[in-house]
C-alpha atoms as a PDB file:
ATOM      1  CA  MET A   1      98.829-115.185  86.762  1.00  0.00           C
ATOM      2  CA  ILE A   2      98.665-113.465  90.146  1.00  0.00           C
ATOM      3  CA  GLU A   3      99.492-115.438  93.276  1.00  0.00           C
ATOM      4  CA  ARG A   4      98.803-114.029  96.731  1.00  0.00           C
ATOM      5  CA  THR A   5      98.688-115.253 100.271  1.00  0.00           C
ATOM      6  CA  LEU A   6      95.724-113.799 102.114  1.00  0.00           C
ATOM      7  CA  GLU A   7      96.819-113.899 105.748  1.00  0.00           C
ATOM      8  CA  ASP A   8      93.424-112.995 107.172  1.00  0.00           C
ATOM      9  CA  ILE A   9      90.028-111.530 106.350  1.00  0.00           C
ATOM     10  CA  ALA A  10      91.552-108.027 106.168  1.00  0.00           C
ATOM     11  CA  ALA A  11      93.921-109.195 103.409  1.00  0.00           C
ATOM     12  CA  THR A  12      90.977-110.808 101.641  1.00  0.00           C
ATOM     13  CA  GLY A  13      89.233-107.447 101.915  1.00  0.00           C
ATOM     14  CA  VAL A  14      92.163-105.737 100.155  1.00  0.00           C
ATOM     15  CA  LEU A  15      91.829-108.192  97.265  1.00  0.00           C
ATOM     16  CA  ALA A  16      88.050-107.668  97.199  1.00  0.00           C
ATOM     17  CA  ARG A  17      88.342-103.861  97.088  1.00  0.00           C
ATOM     18  CA  ALA A  18      90.934-104.028  94.313  1.00  0.00           C
ATOM     19  CA  LEU A  19      88.746-106.414  92.317  1.00  0.00           C
ATOM     20  CA  ALA A  20      85.600-104.340  92.851  1.00  0.00           C
ATOM     21  CA  ALA A  21      87.439-101.281  91.530  1.00  0.00           C
ATOM     22  CA  VAL A  22      88.110-102.883  88.129  1.00  0.00           C
ATOM     23  CA  LEU A  23      84.828-104.712  87.458  1.00  0.00           C
ATOM     24  CA  VAL A  24      82.369-103.546  84.783  1.00  0.00           C
ATOM     25  CA  PRO A  25      79.087-104.947  83.429  1.00  0.00           C
ATOM     26  CA  GLY A  26      79.645-108.179  81.533  1.00  0.00           C
ATOM     27  CA  ASP A  27      82.590-109.289  83.688  1.00  0.00           C
ATOM     28  CA  VAL A  28      82.561-112.864  84.929  1.00  0.00           C
ATOM     29  CA  VAL A  29      84.618-113.866  87.967  1.00  0.00           C
ATOM     30  CA  THR A  30      84.724-117.513  88.946  1.00  0.00           C
ATOM     31  CA  LEU A  31      85.611-118.548  92.481  1.00  0.00           C
ATOM     32  CA  SER A  32      86.889-122.070  92.911  1.00  0.00           C
ATOM     33  CA  GLY A  33      88.271-124.148  95.736  1.00  0.00           C
ATOM     34  CA  PRO A  34      87.144-126.756  98.234  1.00  0.00           C
ATOM     35  CA  LEU A  35      84.453-126.219 100.855  1.00  0.00           C
ATOM     36  CA  GLY A  36      85.696-123.702 103.396  1.00  0.00           C
ATOM     37  CA  ALA A  37      88.265-122.133 101.066  1.00  0.00           C
ATOM     38  CA  GLY A  38      86.730-118.665 101.378  1.00  0.00           C
ATOM     39  CA  LYS A  39      84.773-118.324  98.136  1.00  0.00           C
ATOM     40  CA  THR A  40      81.641-116.924  99.757  1.00  0.00           C
ATOM     41  CA  ALA A  41      83.639-114.648 102.073  1.00  0.00           C
ATOM     42  CA  LEU A  42      85.463-113.145  99.087  1.00  0.00           C
ATOM     43  CA  ALA A  43      82.202-112.726  97.144  1.00  0.00           C
ATOM     44  CA  ARG A  44      80.590-110.952 100.115  1.00  0.00           C
ATOM     45  CA  LEU A  45      83.531-108.577 100.399  1.00  0.00           C
ATOM     46  CA  VAL A  46      83.510-107.825  96.643  1.00  0.00           C
ATOM     47  CA  ILE A  47      79.758-107.087  96.704  1.00  0.00           C
ATOM     48  CA  THR A  48      80.139-104.778  99.701  1.00  0.00           C
ATOM     49  CA  ALA A  49      83.201-103.012  98.258  1.00  0.00           C
ATOM     50  CA  TYR A  50      81.513-102.529  94.876  1.00  0.00           C
ATOM     51  CA  ALA A  51      78.545-100.786  96.491  1.00  0.00           C
ATOM     52  CA  GLU A  52      80.723 -98.641  98.760  1.00  0.00           C
ATOM     53  CA  GLN A  53      83.035 -97.585  95.920  1.00  0.00           C
ATOM     54  CA  ALA A  54      79.963 -96.433  94.000  1.00  0.00           C
ATOM     55  CA  GLY A  55      78.885 -94.307  96.960  1.00  0.00           C
ATOM     56  CA  ALA A  56      75.892 -96.555  97.566  1.00  0.00           C
ATOM     57  CA  VAL A  57      74.813 -98.128 100.805  1.00  0.00           C
ATOM     58  CA  ALA A  58      76.208-101.652 101.010  1.00  0.00           C
ATOM     59  CA  PRO A  59      73.640-104.407 101.453  1.00  0.00           C
ATOM     60  CA  ASP A  60      72.807-105.167 105.094  1.00  0.00           C
ATOM     61  CA  GLU A  61      73.206-108.858 104.435  1.00  0.00           C
ATOM     62  CA  VAL A  62      74.994-110.817 101.753  1.00  0.00           C
ATOM     63  CA  PRO A  63      73.740-114.351 102.333  1.00  0.00           C
ATOM     64  CA  SER A  64      75.253-117.336 100.644  1.00  0.00           C
ATOM     65  CA  PRO A  65      73.091-118.342  97.680  1.00  0.00           C
ATOM     66  CA  THR A  66      73.722-122.027  98.393  1.00  0.00           C
ATOM     67  CA  TYR A  67      70.016-122.861  98.405  1.00  0.00           C
ATOM     68  CA  THR A  68      68.644-120.116  96.154  1.00  0.00           C
ATOM     69  CA  LEU A  69      71.548-120.582  93.676  1.00  0.00           C
ATOM     70  CA  VAL A  70      71.618-116.841  92.883  1.00  0.00           C
ATOM     71  CA  GLN A  71      71.314-113.520  94.711  1.00  0.00           C
ATOM     72  CA  VAL A  72      71.186-110.204  92.847  1.00  0.00           C
ATOM     73  CA  TYR A  73      72.530-106.978  94.362  1.00  0.00           C
ATOM     74  CA  GLU A  74      71.693-103.658  92.749  1.00  0.00           C
ATOM     75  CA  GLN A  75      73.539-101.246  95.048  1.00  0.00           C
ATOM     76  CA  GLY A  76      76.174-100.197  92.502  1.00  0.00           C
ATOM     77  CA  PRO A  77      76.282 -98.839  88.970  1.00  0.00           C
ATOM     78  CA  ALA A  78      75.648-102.348  87.628  1.00  0.00           C
ATOM     79  CA  PRO A  79      73.895-105.282  89.242  1.00  0.00           C
ATOM     80  CA  VAL A  80      76.083-107.955  90.804  1.00  0.00           C
ATOM     81  CA  TRP A  81      74.798-111.502  90.451  1.00  0.00           C
ATOM     82  CA  HIS A  82      76.263-113.926  92.991  1.00  0.00           C
ATOM     83  CA  PHE A  83      75.840-117.547  91.942  1.00  0.00           C
ATOM     84  CA  ASP A  84      76.557-120.594  94.077  1.00  0.00           C
ATOM     85  CA  LEU A  85      76.178-123.563  91.752  1.00  0.00           C
ATOM     86  CA  TYR A  86      77.160-126.285  94.211  1.00  0.00           C
ATOM     87  CA  ARG A  87      73.652-127.750  94.016  1.00  0.00           C
ATOM     88  CA  LEU A  88      73.264-127.364  90.242  1.00  0.00           C
ATOM     89  CA  GLU A  89      72.610-130.855  88.922  1.00  0.00           C
ATOM     90  CA  ASN A  90      72.817-130.216  85.188  1.00  0.00           C
ATOM     91  CA  PRO A  91      74.673-127.412  83.357  1.00  0.00           C
ATOM     92  CA  ALA A  92      71.554-126.701  81.260  1.00  0.00           C
ATOM     93  CA  ASP A  93      69.685-125.829  84.469  1.00  0.00           C
ATOM     94  CA  ALA A  94      71.746-122.626  84.612  1.00  0.00           C
ATOM     95  CA  GLU A  95      69.528-121.221  81.860  1.00  0.00           C
ATOM     96  CA  GLU A  96      66.642-121.180  84.357  1.00  0.00           C
ATOM     97  CA  LEU A  97      68.712-118.810  86.509  1.00  0.00           C
ATOM     98  CA  ALA A  98      68.849-116.249  83.659  1.00  0.00           C
ATOM     99  CA  ILE A  99      72.601-116.621  83.653  1.00  0.00           C
ATOM    100  CA  ASP A 100      72.812-115.316  80.065  1.00  0.00           C
ATOM    101  CA  GLU A 101      71.221-112.060  81.224  1.00  0.00           C
ATOM    102  CA  ALA A 102      73.792-111.760  83.995  1.00  0.00           C
ATOM    103  CA  PHE A 103      76.662-112.401  81.581  1.00  0.00           C
ATOM    104  CA  GLY A 104      75.413-109.643  79.286  1.00  0.00           C
ATOM    105  CA  THR A 105      74.388-106.861  81.670  1.00  0.00           C
ATOM    106  CA  ALA A 106      75.780-107.513  85.124  1.00  0.00           C
ATOM    107  CA  ILE A 107      78.865-108.481  87.042  1.00  0.00           C
ATOM    108  CA  SER A 108      78.802-112.219  87.749  1.00  0.00           C
ATOM    109  CA  LEU A 109      80.534-113.827  90.732  1.00  0.00           C
ATOM    110  CA  ILE A 110      80.247-117.597  90.363  1.00  0.00           C
ATOM    111  CA  GLU A 111      81.092-120.203  92.979  1.00  0.00           C
ATOM    112  CA  TRP A 112      81.428-123.794  91.745  1.00  0.00           C
ATOM    113  CA  SER A 113      81.629-122.621  88.131  1.00  0.00           C
ATOM    114  CA  ASP A 114      82.811-126.072  87.031  1.00  0.00           C
ATOM    115  CA  ARG A 115      79.113-127.049  87.244  1.00  0.00           C
ATOM    116  CA  LEU A 116      78.416-124.826  84.189  1.00  0.00           C
ATOM    117  CA  GLY A 117      80.193-127.126  81.757  1.00  0.00           C
ATOM    118  CA  PRO A 118      79.811-125.698  78.233  1.00  0.00           C
ATOM    119  CA  TYR A 119      77.958-122.620  79.569  1.00  0.00           C
ATOM    120  CA  LEU A 120      81.101-121.279  81.286  1.00  0.00           C
ATOM    121  CA  PRO A 121      82.207-118.119  79.431  1.00  0.00           C
ATOM    122  CA  ALA A 122      85.612-118.304  77.795  1.00  0.00           C
ATOM    123  CA  ALA A 123      86.353-114.695  78.818  1.00  0.00           C
ATOM    124  CA  ARG A 124      86.568-114.660  82.588  1.00  0.00           C
ATOM    125  CA  LEU A 125      88.764-114.150  85.618  1.00  0.00           C
ATOM    126  CA  ASP A 126      89.305-117.280  87.705  1.00  0.00           C
ATOM    127  CA  ILE A 127      90.207-117.007  91.377  1.00  0.00           C
ATOM    128  CA  ALA A 128      91.253-120.339  92.879  1.00  0.00           C
ATOM    129  CA  LEU A 129      91.298-120.314  96.674  1.00  0.00           C
ATOM    130  CA  ALA A 130      92.786-122.840  99.066  1.00  0.00           C
ATOM    131  CA  ARG A 131      93.847-122.900 102.690  1.00  0.00           C
ATOM    132  CA  ALA A 132      97.473-121.850 102.963  1.00  0.00           C
ATOM    133  CA  GLU A 133      99.800-124.607 104.146  1.00  0.00           C
ATOM    134  CA  ALA A 134     101.349-122.450 106.847  1.00  0.00           C
ATOM    135  CA  GLY A 135      99.595-120.128 109.228  1.00  0.00           C
ATOM    136  CA  ASP A 136      96.853-120.239 111.792  1.00  0.00           C
ATOM    137  CA  GLY A 137      94.170-121.775 109.586  1.00  0.00           C
ATOM    138  CA  GLU A 138      92.751-118.400 108.534  1.00  0.00           C
ATOM    139  CA  ALA A 139      95.305-117.833 105.766  1.00  0.00           C
ATOM    140  CA  ARG A 140      94.321-118.588 102.185  1.00  0.00           C
ATOM    141  CA  ARG A 141      96.242-118.847  98.934  1.00  0.00           C
ATOM    142  CA  ALA A 142      94.710-117.156  95.890  1.00  0.00           C
ATOM    143  CA  VAL A 143      95.759-117.921  92.324  1.00  0.00           C
ATOM    144  CA  ILE A 144      94.163-115.505  89.862  1.00  0.00           C
ATOM    145  CA  THR A 145      94.144-116.207  86.119  1.00  0.00           C
ATOM    146  CA  GLY A 146      92.505-114.324  83.279  1.00  0.00           C
ATOM    147  CA  PHE A 147      91.074-116.190  80.287  1.00  0.00           C
ATOM    148  CA  GLY A 148      90.172-114.614  76.965  1.00  0.00           C
ATOM    149  CA  ALA A 149      90.819-110.988  76.106  1.00  0.00           C
ATOM    150  CA  ARG A 150      88.583-109.547  78.836  1.00  0.00           C
ATOM    151  CA  GLY A 151      89.889-111.975  81.456  1.00  0.00           C
ATOM    152  CA  ALA A 152      93.490-111.038  80.606  1.00  0.00           C
ATOM    153  CA  ALA A 153      92.591-107.338  80.790  1.00  0.00           C
ATOM    154  CA  LEU A 154      90.944-107.873  84.177  1.00  0.00           C
ATOM    155  CA  GLU A 155      93.997-109.726  85.462  1.00  0.00           C
ATOM    156  CA  THR A 156      96.269-106.858  84.342  1.00  0.00           C
ATOM    157  CA  ALA A 157      93.970-104.204  85.839  1.00  0.00           C
ATOM    158  CA  LEU A 158      93.709-106.143  89.102  1.00  0.00           C
ATOM    159  CA  ALA A 159      97.495-106.513  89.355  1.00  0.00           C
ATOM    160  CA  SER A 160      97.862-102.766  88.851  1.00  0.00           C
ATOM    161  CA  GLN A 161      95.167-102.005  91.415  1.00  0.00           C
ATOM    162  CA  LEU A 162      96.818-104.328  93.954  1.00  0.00           C
ATOM    163  CA  ARG A 163     100.167-102.526  93.437  1.00  0.00           C
ATOM    164  CA  THR A 164      98.400 -99.199  94.016  1.00  0.00           C
ATOM    165  CA  GLU A 165      96.794-100.554  97.200  1.00  0.00           C
ATOM    166  CA  ALA A 166     100.190-101.802  98.427  1.00  0.00           C
ATOM    167  CA  LYS A 167     101.872 -98.439  97.751  1.00  0.00           C
ATOM    168  CA  SER A 168      99.062 -96.631  99.547  1.00  0.00           C
ATOM    169  CA  ALA A 169      99.346 -98.947 102.559  1.00  0.00           C
ATOM    170  CA  CYS A 170     103.130 -98.452 102.710  1.00  0.00           C
ATOM    171  CA  ALA A 171     102.733 -94.666 102.473  1.00  0.00           C
ATOM    172  CA  GLN A 172     100.404 -94.860 105.476  1.00  0.00           C
ATOM    173  CA  GLY A 173     102.939 -96.887 107.442  1.00  0.00           C
ATOM    174  CA  TRP A 174     101.264-100.269 107.035  1.00  0.00           C
ATOM    175  CA  PRO A 175     103.332-103.318 106.113  1.00  0.00           C
ATOM    176  CA  GLU A 176     103.028-104.371 102.492  1.00  0.00           C
END
């Protein structure tokens, strides 16, 4: 398990860049937390970072898929499917979103993944976000847990990438 306080959007961006660096097709990342916890903000930053790290032009807009339920971004080496399942009424309705295709060939970022019920993949990386108790209201707490073999491997790779990011920031004179 990885626990981090994200003091501001810049710190959330560090997490997003580290996560984008370790994602490959077939990876599933679930984003949980109450309304306003920062799930969509983190997803936007991951999508942008993934495209930029691939040398592609990041999407001009990364809208919340609250009403469309899914947005697909093809700016990187693999498509990124961003799901917001808040309005999903029945787990079986996820099949209409071609979610199986996303799980097999794309990177899936899923908000409100609890709505998937039995369709939620066992191998995944969960990121639980909540407002931090202290701070100016912008700070968030992230608890990151890998499930299954691939989820555990993602958690390990992410922890390593975050350590690399921290060392790089310190070498440049930034606080850790």
